Each structure stands twice: as structure tokens, then as C-alpha cells.
Amino acid sequence: MTARGVEIAINTYKPGTASAPEPVAHDGCEFGVVLDGSLEVTVGGRTHKLQKGDLISYPSTEPHRFTNTGSSPARTMWLNLKRDPMA
């Protein structure tokens, strides 16, 4: 869902899958929480291993990618704050 520069998404990553083949960058700032499972989040070439309940935030302009290296699905919630198109 996107409204006035705010995008909220709940995503599920199956084991062995990733958000993209290579890290991507775009406008905004992201905040994420792992709801179930575990997820590796690579931002600007640095990898963070997140478990259920862990939070992360970073500028979306940094190349980033999410990878589920675990054996169970990882469910996440992301909040992406973009420049307000109405501003």
C-alpha cells in the first residue's frame, strides 16, 4: 500500500530466495522488522543477520537486498518513507 510517500509491505521469503538478483537502490528510507524466521539484509555491501523481532533501518539510496538463508519461511514488514509527492 502506498499513500502520500509512505509504502507499507508484508513480504514472505521462502528458504533460498532473495528480494532481487542483485542489490537495488531507490529513493526513500526503509524500516523493517522480521515477524517470523530469519533474514540476511545486505546494505551497502554489509550483511546483517536478523532474527524474529529484529529491526533494521537504512537509507533506500544504499544498494540493498534481502536473502532467506534459513530453512523456514521469513515473514517481514517494511515501511518505506519516500519523498512526499504532494510537497
PDB file of N, CA and C in Angstrom:
ATOM      1  N   MET A   1       0.844  -1.165   0.000  1.00  0.00           N
ATOM      2  CA  MET A   1       0.000   0.000   0.000  1.00  0.00           C
ATOM      3  C   MET A   1       0.897   1.238   0.000  1.00  0.00           C
ATOM      4  N   THR A   2       0.612   2.202  -0.835  1.00  0.00           N
ATOM      5  CA  THR A   2       1.363   3.447  -0.884  1.00  0.00           C
ATOM      6  C   THR A   2       0.404   4.617  -0.731  1.00  0.00           C
ATOM      7  N   ALA A   3       0.730   5.535   0.160  1.00  0.00           N
ATOM      8  CA  ALA A   3      -0.094   6.720   0.361  1.00  0.00           C
ATOM      9  C   ALA A   3       0.794   7.883   0.762  1.00  0.00           C
ATOM     10  N   ARG A   4       0.727   8.974  -0.006  1.00  0.00           N
ATOM     11  CA  ARG A   4       1.457  10.201   0.298  1.00  0.00           C
ATOM     12  C   ARG A   4       2.905   9.946   0.724  1.00  0.00           C
ATOM     13  N   GLY A   5       3.611   9.154  -0.041  1.00  0.00           N
ATOM     14  CA  GLY A   5       5.024   8.944   0.211  1.00  0.00           C
ATOM     15  C   GLY A   5       5.347   7.876   1.234  1.00  0.00           C
ATOM     16  N   VAL A   6       4.350   7.119   1.693  1.00  0.00           N
ATOM     17  CA  VAL A   6       4.573   6.036   2.654  1.00  0.00           C
ATOM     18  C   VAL A   6       4.134   4.725   2.011  1.00  0.00           C
ATOM     19  N   GLU A   7       5.024   3.755   1.999  1.00  0.00           N
ATOM     20  CA  GLU A   7       4.692   2.434   1.461  1.00  0.00           C
ATOM     21  C   GLU A   7       4.881   1.411   2.570  1.00  0.00           C
ATOM     22  N   ILE A   8       3.873   0.560   2.782  1.00  0.00           N
ATOM     23  CA  ILE A   8       3.927  -0.492   3.787  1.00  0.00           C
ATOM     24  C   ILE A   8       3.749  -1.823   3.072  1.00  0.00           C
ATOM     25  N   ALA A   9       4.613  -2.783   3.393  1.00  0.00           N
ATOM     26  CA  ALA A   9       4.524  -4.092   2.745  1.00  0.00           C
ATOM     27  C   ALA A   9       4.815  -5.202   3.750  1.00  0.00           C
ATOM     28  N   ILE A  10       4.060  -6.282   3.654  1.00  0.00           N
ATOM     29  CA  ILE A  10       4.369  -7.505   4.388  1.00  0.00           C
ATOM     30  C   ILE A  10       4.766  -8.517   3.336  1.00  0.00           C
ATOM     31  N   ASN A  11       5.989  -9.041   3.483  1.00  0.00           N
ATOM     32  CA  ASN A  11       6.545  -9.965   2.490  1.00  0.00           C
ATOM     33  C   ASN A  11       6.913 -11.283   3.153  1.00  0.00           C
ATOM     34  N   THR A  12       6.798 -12.359   2.383  1.00  0.00           N
ATOM     35  CA  THR A  12       7.263 -13.671   2.821  1.00  0.00           C
ATOM     36  C   THR A  12       8.324 -14.150   1.834  1.00  0.00           C
ATOM     37  N   TYR A  13       9.472 -14.557   2.370  1.00  0.00           N
ATOM     38  CA  TYR A  13      10.577 -15.063   1.556  1.00  0.00           C
ATOM     39  C   TYR A  13      10.749 -16.549   1.868  1.00  0.00           C
ATOM     40  N   LYS A  14      10.584 -17.388   0.864  1.00  0.00           N
ATOM     41  CA  LYS A  14      10.794 -18.821   1.041  1.00  0.00           C
ATOM     42  C   LYS A  14      12.287 -19.079   1.234  1.00  0.00           C
ATOM     43  N   PRO A  15      12.645 -20.210   1.876  1.00  0.00           N
ATOM     44  CA  PRO A  15      14.062 -20.534   2.043  1.00  0.00           C
ATOM     45  C   PRO A  15      14.783 -20.531   0.691  1.00  0.00           C
ATOM     46  N   GLY A  16      15.952 -19.930   0.663  1.00  0.00           N
ATOM     47  CA  GLY A  16      16.766 -19.902  -0.552  1.00  0.00           C
ATOM     48  C   GLY A  16      16.400 -18.805  -1.536  1.00  0.00           C
ATOM     49  N   THR A  17      15.437 -17.938  -1.181  1.00  0.00           N
ATOM     50  CA  THR A  17      15.042 -16.870  -2.100  1.00  0.00           C
ATOM     51  C   THR A  17      15.596 -15.525  -1.635  1.00  0.00           C
ATOM     52  N   ALA A  18      15.557 -14.567  -2.554  1.00  0.00           N
ATOM     53  CA  ALA A  18      16.044 -13.220  -2.266  1.00  0.00           C
ATOM     54  C   ALA A  18      15.090 -12.199  -2.871  1.00  0.00           C
ATOM     55  N   SER A  19      15.213 -10.966  -2.434  1.00  0.00           N
ATOM     56  CA  SER A  19      14.340  -9.894  -2.925  1.00  0.00           C
ATOM     57  C   SER A  19      14.676  -9.490  -4.350  1.00  0.00           C
ATOM     58  N   ALA A  20      15.913  -9.717  -4.771  1.00  0.00           N
ATOM     59  CA  ALA A  20      16.360  -9.344  -6.118  1.00  0.00           C
ATOM     60  C   ALA A  20      17.648 -10.096  -6.423  1.00  0.00           C
ATOM     61  N   PRO A  21      17.980 -10.264  -7.714  1.00  0.00           N
ATOM     62  CA  PRO A  21      19.234 -10.947  -8.052  1.00  0.00           C
ATOM     63  C   PRO A  21      20.470 -10.191  -7.550  1.00  0.00           C
ATOM     64  N   GLU A  22      20.402  -8.870  -7.565  1.00  0.00           N
ATOM     65  CA  GLU A  22      21.500  -8.008  -7.125  1.00  0.00           C
ATOM     66  C   GLU A  22      20.918  -6.925  -6.222  1.00  0.00           C
ATOM     67  N   PRO A  23      21.734  -6.303  -5.368  1.00  0.00           N
ATOM     68  CA  PRO A  23      21.231  -5.198  -4.551  1.00  0.00           C
ATOM     69  C   PRO A  23      20.663  -4.071  -5.419  1.00  0.00           C
ATOM     70  N   VAL A  24      19.601  -3.438  -4.919  1.00  0.00           N
ATOM     71  CA  VAL A  24      18.949  -2.337  -5.624  1.00  0.00           C
ATOM     72  C   VAL A  24      18.931  -1.100  -4.724  1.00  0.00           C
ATOM     73  N   ALA A  25      18.796   0.056  -5.330  1.00  0.00           N
ATOM     74  CA  ALA A  25      18.693   1.317  -4.592  1.00  0.00           C
ATOM     75  C   ALA A  25      17.546   2.124  -5.182  1.00  0.00           C
ATOM     76  N   HIS A  26      16.922   2.947  -4.358  1.00  0.00           N
ATOM     77  CA  HIS A  26      15.828   3.804  -4.803  1.00  0.00           C
ATOM     78  C   HIS A  26      15.653   4.920  -3.790  1.00  0.00           C
ATOM     79  N   ASP A  27      14.779   5.832  -4.070  1.00  0.00           N
ATOM     80  CA  ASP A  27      14.520   6.960  -3.189  1.00  0.00           C
ATOM     81  C   ASP A  27      13.882   6.490  -1.882  1.00  0.00           C
ATOM     82  N   GLY A  28      14.169   7.156  -0.792  1.00  0.00           N
ATOM     83  CA  GLY A  28      13.476   6.904   0.457  1.00  0.00           C
ATOM     84  C   GLY A  28      14.354   6.421   1.583  1.00  0.00           C
ATOM     85  N   CYS A  29      13.680   6.005   2.638  1.00  0.00           N
ATOM     86  CA  CYS A  29      14.310   5.454   3.827  1.00  0.00           C
ATOM     87  C   CYS A  29      13.461   4.269   4.253  1.00  0.00           C
ATOM     88  N   GLU A  30      14.094   3.133   4.592  1.00  0.00           N
ATOM     89  CA  GLU A  30      13.346   1.923   4.919  1.00  0.00           C
ATOM     90  C   GLU A  30      13.516   1.520   6.374  1.00  0.00           C
ATOM     91  N   PHE A  31      12.423   0.972   6.906  1.00  0.00           N
ATOM     92  CA  PHE A  31      12.407   0.413   8.248  1.00  0.00           C
ATOM     93  C   PHE A  31      11.795  -0.970   8.117  1.00  0.00           C
ATOM     94  N   GLY A  32      12.439  -1.991   8.663  1.00  0.00           N
ATOM     95  CA  GLY A  32      11.922  -3.347   8.541  1.00  0.00           C
ATOM     96  C   GLY A  32      11.981  -4.100   9.850  1.00  0.00           C
ATOM     97  N   VAL A  33      11.068  -5.046  10.012  1.00  0.00           N
ATOM     98  CA  VAL A  33      11.052  -5.933  11.175  1.00  0.00           C
ATOM     99  C   VAL A  33      10.794  -7.354  10.683  1.00  0.00           C
ATOM    100  N   VAL A  34      11.509  -8.303  11.266  1.00  0.00           N
ATOM    101  CA  VAL A  34      11.299  -9.712  10.948  1.00  0.00           C
ATOM    102  C   VAL A  34      10.190 -10.225  11.859  1.00  0.00           C
ATOM    103  N   LEU A  35       9.093 -10.667  11.266  1.00  0.00           N
ATOM    104  CA  LEU A  35       7.948 -11.161  12.020  1.00  0.00           C
ATOM    105  C   LEU A  35       8.086 -12.649  12.343  1.00  0.00           C
ATOM    106  N   ASP A  36       8.652 -13.419  11.419  1.00  0.00           N
ATOM    107  CA  ASP A  36       8.876 -14.858  11.595  1.00  0.00           C
ATOM    108  C   ASP A  36      10.125 -15.256  10.827  1.00  0.00           C
ATOM    109  N   GLY A  37      10.845 -16.237  11.337  1.00  0.00           N
ATOM    110  CA  GLY A  37      12.027 -16.746  10.645  1.00  0.00           C
ATOM    111  C   GLY A  37      13.237 -15.846  10.819  1.00  0.00           C
ATOM    112  N   SER A  38      14.126 -15.908   9.834  1.00  0.00           N
ATOM    113  CA  SER A  38      15.345 -15.100   9.851  1.00  0.00           C
ATOM    114  C   SER A  38      15.617 -14.608   8.438  1.00  0.00           C
ATOM    115  N   LEU A  39      16.407 -13.538   8.346  1.00  0.00           N
ATOM    116  CA  LEU A  39      16.669 -12.915   7.055  1.00  0.00           C
ATOM    117  C   LEU A  39      18.030 -12.242   7.094  1.00  0.00           C
ATOM    118  N   GLU A  40      18.776 -12.375   6.015  1.00  0.00           N
ATOM    119  CA  GLU A  40      20.012 -11.612   5.860  1.00  0.00           C
ATOM    120  C   GLU A  40      19.692 -10.372   5.037  1.00  0.00           C
ATOM    121  N   VAL A  41      20.041  -9.213   5.560  1.00  0.00           N
ATOM    122  CA  VAL A  41      19.814  -7.954   4.869  1.00  0.00           C
ATOM    123  C   VAL A  41      21.178  -7.356   4.564  1.00  0.00           C
ATOM    124  N   THR A  42      21.470  -7.200   3.275  1.00  0.00           N
ATOM    125  CA  THR A  42      22.734  -6.606   2.853  1.00  0.00           C
ATOM    126  C   THR A  42      22.464  -5.172   2.431  1.00  0.00           C
ATOM    127  N   VAL A  43      23.154  -4.241   3.060  1.00  0.00           N
ATOM    128  CA  VAL A  43      23.012  -2.815   2.780  1.00  0.00           C
ATOM    129  C   VAL A  43      24.404  -2.239   2.556  1.00  0.00           C
ATOM    130  N   GLY A  44      24.622  -1.652   1.381  1.00  0.00           N
ATOM    131  CA  GLY A  44      25.913  -1.043   1.094  1.00  0.00           C
ATOM    132  C   GLY A  44      27.073  -2.007   1.230  1.00  0.00           C
ATOM    133  N   GLY A  45      26.859  -3.287   0.905  1.00  0.00           N
ATOM    134  CA  GLY A  45      27.912  -4.291   0.958  1.00  0.00           C
ATOM    135  C   GLY A  45      28.117  -4.928   2.327  1.00  0.00           C
ATOM    136  N   ARG A  46      27.375  -4.492   3.329  1.00  0.00           N
ATOM    137  CA  ARG A  46      27.491  -5.048   4.687  1.00  0.00           C
ATOM    138  C   ARG A  46      26.257  -5.887   4.994  1.00  0.00           C
ATOM    139  N   THR A  47      26.456  -7.123   5.462  1.00  0.00           N
ATOM    140  CA  THR A  47      25.339  -8.041   5.713  1.00  0.00           C
ATOM    141  C   THR A  47      24.985  -8.082   7.191  1.00  0.00           C
ATOM    142  N   HIS A  48      23.677  -7.977   7.458  1.00  0.00           N
ATOM    143  CA  HIS A  48      23.127  -8.028   8.813  1.00  0.00           C
ATOM    144  C   HIS A  48      22.238  -9.260   8.907  1.00  0.00           C
ATOM    145  N   LYS A  49      22.451 -10.102   9.918  1.00  0.00           N
ATOM    146  CA  LYS A  49      21.639 -11.301  10.111  1.00  0.00           C
ATOM    147  C   LYS A  49      20.562 -10.990  11.139  1.00  0.00           C
ATOM    148  N   LEU A  50      19.319 -10.996  10.684  1.00  0.00           N
ATOM    149  CA  LEU A  50      18.192 -10.638  11.536  1.00  0.00           C
ATOM    150  C   LEU A  50      17.368 -11.866  11.892  1.00  0.00           C
ATOM    151  N   GLN A  51      16.906 -11.905  13.129  1.00  0.00           N
ATOM    152  CA  GLN A  51      16.042 -12.970  13.638  1.00  0.00           C
ATOM    153  C   GLN A  51      14.670 -12.380  13.944  1.00  0.00           C
ATOM    154  N   LYS A  52      13.716 -13.233  14.244  1.00  0.00           N
ATOM    155  CA  LYS A  52      12.369 -12.792  14.605  1.00  0.00           C
ATOM    156  C   LYS A  52      12.449 -11.699  15.679  1.00  0.00           C
ATOM    157  N   GLY A  53      11.776 -10.575  15.419  1.00  0.00           N
ATOM    158  CA  GLY A  53      11.748  -9.461  16.352  1.00  0.00           C
ATOM    159  C   GLY A  53      12.809  -8.403  16.108  1.00  0.00           C
ATOM    160  N   ASP A  54      13.806  -8.705  15.276  1.00  0.00           N
ATOM    161  CA  ASP A  54      14.854  -7.724  14.985  1.00  0.00           C
ATOM    162  C   ASP A  54      14.357  -6.657  14.022  1.00  0.00           C
ATOM    163  N   LEU A  55      14.869  -5.443  14.212  1.00  0.00           N
ATOM    164  CA  LEU A  55      14.526  -4.288  13.387  1.00  0.00           C
ATOM    165  C   LEU A  55      15.761  -3.789  12.660  1.00  0.00           C
ATOM    166  N   ILE A  56      15.544  -3.141  11.502  1.00  0.00           N
ATOM    167  CA  ILE A  56      16.632  -2.514  10.774  1.00  0.00           C
ATOM    168  C   ILE A  56      16.085  -1.268  10.073  1.00  0.00           C
ATOM    169  N   SER A  57      16.933  -0.277   9.922  1.00  0.00           N
ATOM    170  CA  SER A  57      16.571   0.904   9.133  1.00  0.00           C
ATOM    171  C   SER A  57      17.805   1.366   8.379  1.00  0.00           C
ATOM    172  N   TYR A  58      17.581   1.964   7.204  1.00  0.00           N
ATOM    173  CA  TYR A  58      18.684   2.431   6.369  1.00  0.00           C
ATOM    174  C   TYR A  58      18.124   3.316   5.267  1.00  0.00           C
ATOM    175  N   PRO A  59      18.979   4.164   4.679  1.00  0.00           N
ATOM    176  CA  PRO A  59      18.540   4.943   3.521  1.00  0.00           C
ATOM    177  C   PRO A  59      18.383   4.016   2.318  1.00  0.00           C
ATOM    178  N   SER A  60      17.251   4.095   1.641  1.00  0.00           N
ATOM    179  CA  SER A  60      16.994   3.237   0.476  1.00  0.00           C
ATOM    180  C   SER A  60      17.923   3.546  -0.687  1.00  0.00           C
ATOM    181  N   THR A  61      18.606   4.675  -0.617  1.00  0.00           N
ATOM    182  CA  THR A  61      19.552   5.039  -1.666  1.00  0.00           C
ATOM    183  C   THR A  61      20.813   4.174  -1.599  1.00  0.00           C
ATOM    184  N   GLU A  62      21.008   3.449  -0.478  1.00  0.00           N
ATOM    185  CA  GLU A  62      22.101   2.479  -0.375  1.00  0.00           C
ATOM    186  C   GLU A  62      21.646   1.190  -1.056  1.00  0.00           C
ATOM    187  N   PRO A  63      22.471   0.583  -1.902  1.00  0.00           N
ATOM    188  CA  PRO A  63      22.075  -0.685  -2.525  1.00  0.00           C
ATOM    189  C   PRO A  63      21.763  -1.728  -1.436  1.00  0.00           C
ATOM    190  N   HIS A  64      20.609  -2.404  -1.569  1.00  0.00           N
ATOM    191  CA  HIS A  64      20.193  -3.357  -0.550  1.00  0.00           C
ATOM    192  C   HIS A  64      19.499  -4.569  -1.170  1.00  0.00           C
ATOM    193  N   ARG A  65      19.551  -5.664  -0.410  1.00  0.00           N
ATOM    194  CA  ARG A  65      18.975  -6.938  -0.863  1.00  0.00           C
ATOM    195  C   ARG A  65      18.668  -7.776   0.360  1.00  0.00           C
ATOM    196  N   PHE A  66      17.580  -8.544   0.315  1.00  0.00           N
ATOM    197  CA  PHE A  66      17.193  -9.428   1.415  1.00  0.00           C
ATOM    198  C   PHE A  66      17.304 -10.871   0.939  1.00  0.00           C
ATOM    199  N   THR A  67      17.868 -11.749   1.776  1.00  0.00           N
ATOM    200  CA  THR A  67      18.041 -13.152   1.417  1.00  0.00           C
ATOM    201  C   THR A  67      17.627 -14.037   2.589  1.00  0.00           C
ATOM    202  N   ASN A  68      16.815 -15.051   2.302  1.00  0.00           N
ATOM    203  CA  ASN A  68      16.460 -16.026   3.327  1.00  0.00           C
ATOM    204  C   ASN A  68      17.398 -17.209   3.187  1.00  0.00           C
ATOM    205  N   THR A  69      18.392 -17.285   4.062  1.00  0.00           N
ATOM    206  CA  THR A  69      19.331 -18.408   4.056  1.00  0.00           C
ATOM    207  C   THR A  69      18.918 -19.478   5.053  1.00  0.00           C
ATOM    208  N   GLY A  70      17.789 -19.272   5.726  1.00  0.00           N
ATOM    209  CA  GLY A  70      17.302 -20.231   6.716  1.00  0.00           C
ATOM    210  C   GLY A  70      16.546 -21.384   6.075  1.00  0.00           C
ATOM    211  N   SER A  71      16.004 -22.253   6.944  1.00  0.00           N
ATOM    212  CA  SER A  71      15.289 -23.442   6.462  1.00  0.00           C
ATOM    213  C   SER A  71      13.770 -23.292   6.549  1.00  0.00           C
ATOM    214  N   SER A  72      13.297 -22.125   7.015  1.00  0.00           N
ATOM    215  CA  SER A  72      11.857 -21.887   7.083  1.00  0.00           C
ATOM    216  C   SER A  72      11.540 -20.529   6.473  1.00  0.00           C
ATOM    217  N   PRO A  73      10.283 -20.308   6.104  1.00  0.00           N
ATOM    218  CA  PRO A  73       9.926 -19.014   5.517  1.00  0.00           C
ATOM    219  C   PRO A  73      10.222 -17.855   6.479  1.00  0.00           C
ATOM    220  N   ALA A  74      10.590 -16.720   5.905  1.00  0.00           N
ATOM    221  CA  ALA A  74      10.803 -15.493   6.685  1.00  0.00           C
ATOM    222  C   ALA A  74       9.694 -14.518   6.297  1.00  0.00           C
ATOM    223  N   ARG A  75       9.000 -13.993   7.300  1.00  0.00           N
ATOM    224  CA  ARG A  75       7.936 -13.021   7.051  1.00  0.00           C
ATOM    225  C   ARG A  75       8.388 -11.691   7.635  1.00  0.00           C
ATOM    226  N   THR A  76       8.242 -10.624   6.852  1.00  0.00           N
ATOM    227  CA  THR A  76       8.732  -9.307   7.253  1.00  0.00           C
ATOM    228  C   THR A  76       7.682  -8.232   7.018  1.00  0.00           C
ATOM    229  N   MET A  77       7.845  -7.118   7.717  1.00  0.00           N
ATOM    230  CA  MET A  77       7.041  -5.939   7.443  1.00  0.00           C
ATOM    231  C   MET A  77       8.010  -4.791   7.199  1.00  0.00           C
ATOM    232  N   TRP A  78       7.770  -4.049   6.089  1.00  0.00           N
ATOM    233  CA  TRP A  78       8.629  -2.933   5.692  1.00  0.00           C
ATOM    234  C   TRP A  78       7.821  -1.651   5.601  1.00  0.00           C
ATOM    235  N   LEU A  79       8.422  -0.592   6.051  1.00  0.00           N
ATOM    236  CA  LEU A  79       7.869   0.753   5.911  1.00  0.00           C
ATOM    237  C   LEU A  79       8.901   1.546   5.132  1.00  0.00           C
ATOM    238  N   ASN A  80       8.501   2.045   3.977  1.00  0.00           N
ATOM    239  CA  ASN A  80       9.389   2.846   3.131  1.00  0.00           C
ATOM    240  C   ASN A  80       8.848   4.265   3.069  1.00  0.00           C
ATOM    241  N   LEU A  81       9.619   5.203   3.577  1.00  0.00           N
ATOM    242  CA  LEU A  81       9.242   6.600   3.533  1.00  0.00           C
ATOM    243  C   LEU A  81       9.899   7.229   2.316  1.00  0.00           C
ATOM    244  N   LYS A  82       9.082   7.685   1.392  1.00  0.00           N
ATOM    245  CA  LYS A  82       9.577   8.310   0.185  1.00  0.00           C
ATOM    246  C   LYS A  82       9.327   9.802   0.278  1.00  0.00           C
ATOM    247  N   ARG A  83       9.991  10.554  -0.579  1.00  0.00           N
ATOM    248  CA  ARG A  83       9.718  11.982  -0.622  1.00  0.00           C
ATOM    249  C   ARG A  83       8.249  12.182  -0.916  1.00  0.00           C
ATOM    250  N   ASP A  84       7.587  13.035  -0.168  1.00  0.00           N
ATOM    251  CA  ASP A  84       6.164  13.286  -0.327  1.00  0.00           C
ATOM    252  C   ASP A  84       5.900  13.906  -1.694  1.00  0.00           C
ATOM    253  N   PRO A  85       5.184  13.206  -2.605  1.00  0.00           N
ATOM    254  CA  PRO A  85       4.933  13.749  -3.931  1.00  0.00           C
ATOM    255  C   PRO A  85       4.033  14.991  -3.899  1.00  0.00           C
ATOM    256  N   MET A  86       3.355  15.229  -2.791  1.00  0.00           N
ATOM    257  CA  MET A  86       2.471  16.381  -2.661  1.00  0.00           C
ATOM    258  C   MET A  86       3.218  17.625  -2.150  1.00  0.00           C
ATOM    259  N   ALA A  87       4.472  17.411  -1.699  1.00  0.00           N
ATOM    260  CA  ALA A  87       5.244  18.532  -1.122  1.00  0.00           C
ATOM    261  C   ALA A  87       5.736  19.453  -2.216  1.00  0.00           C
TER     262      ALA A  87
END
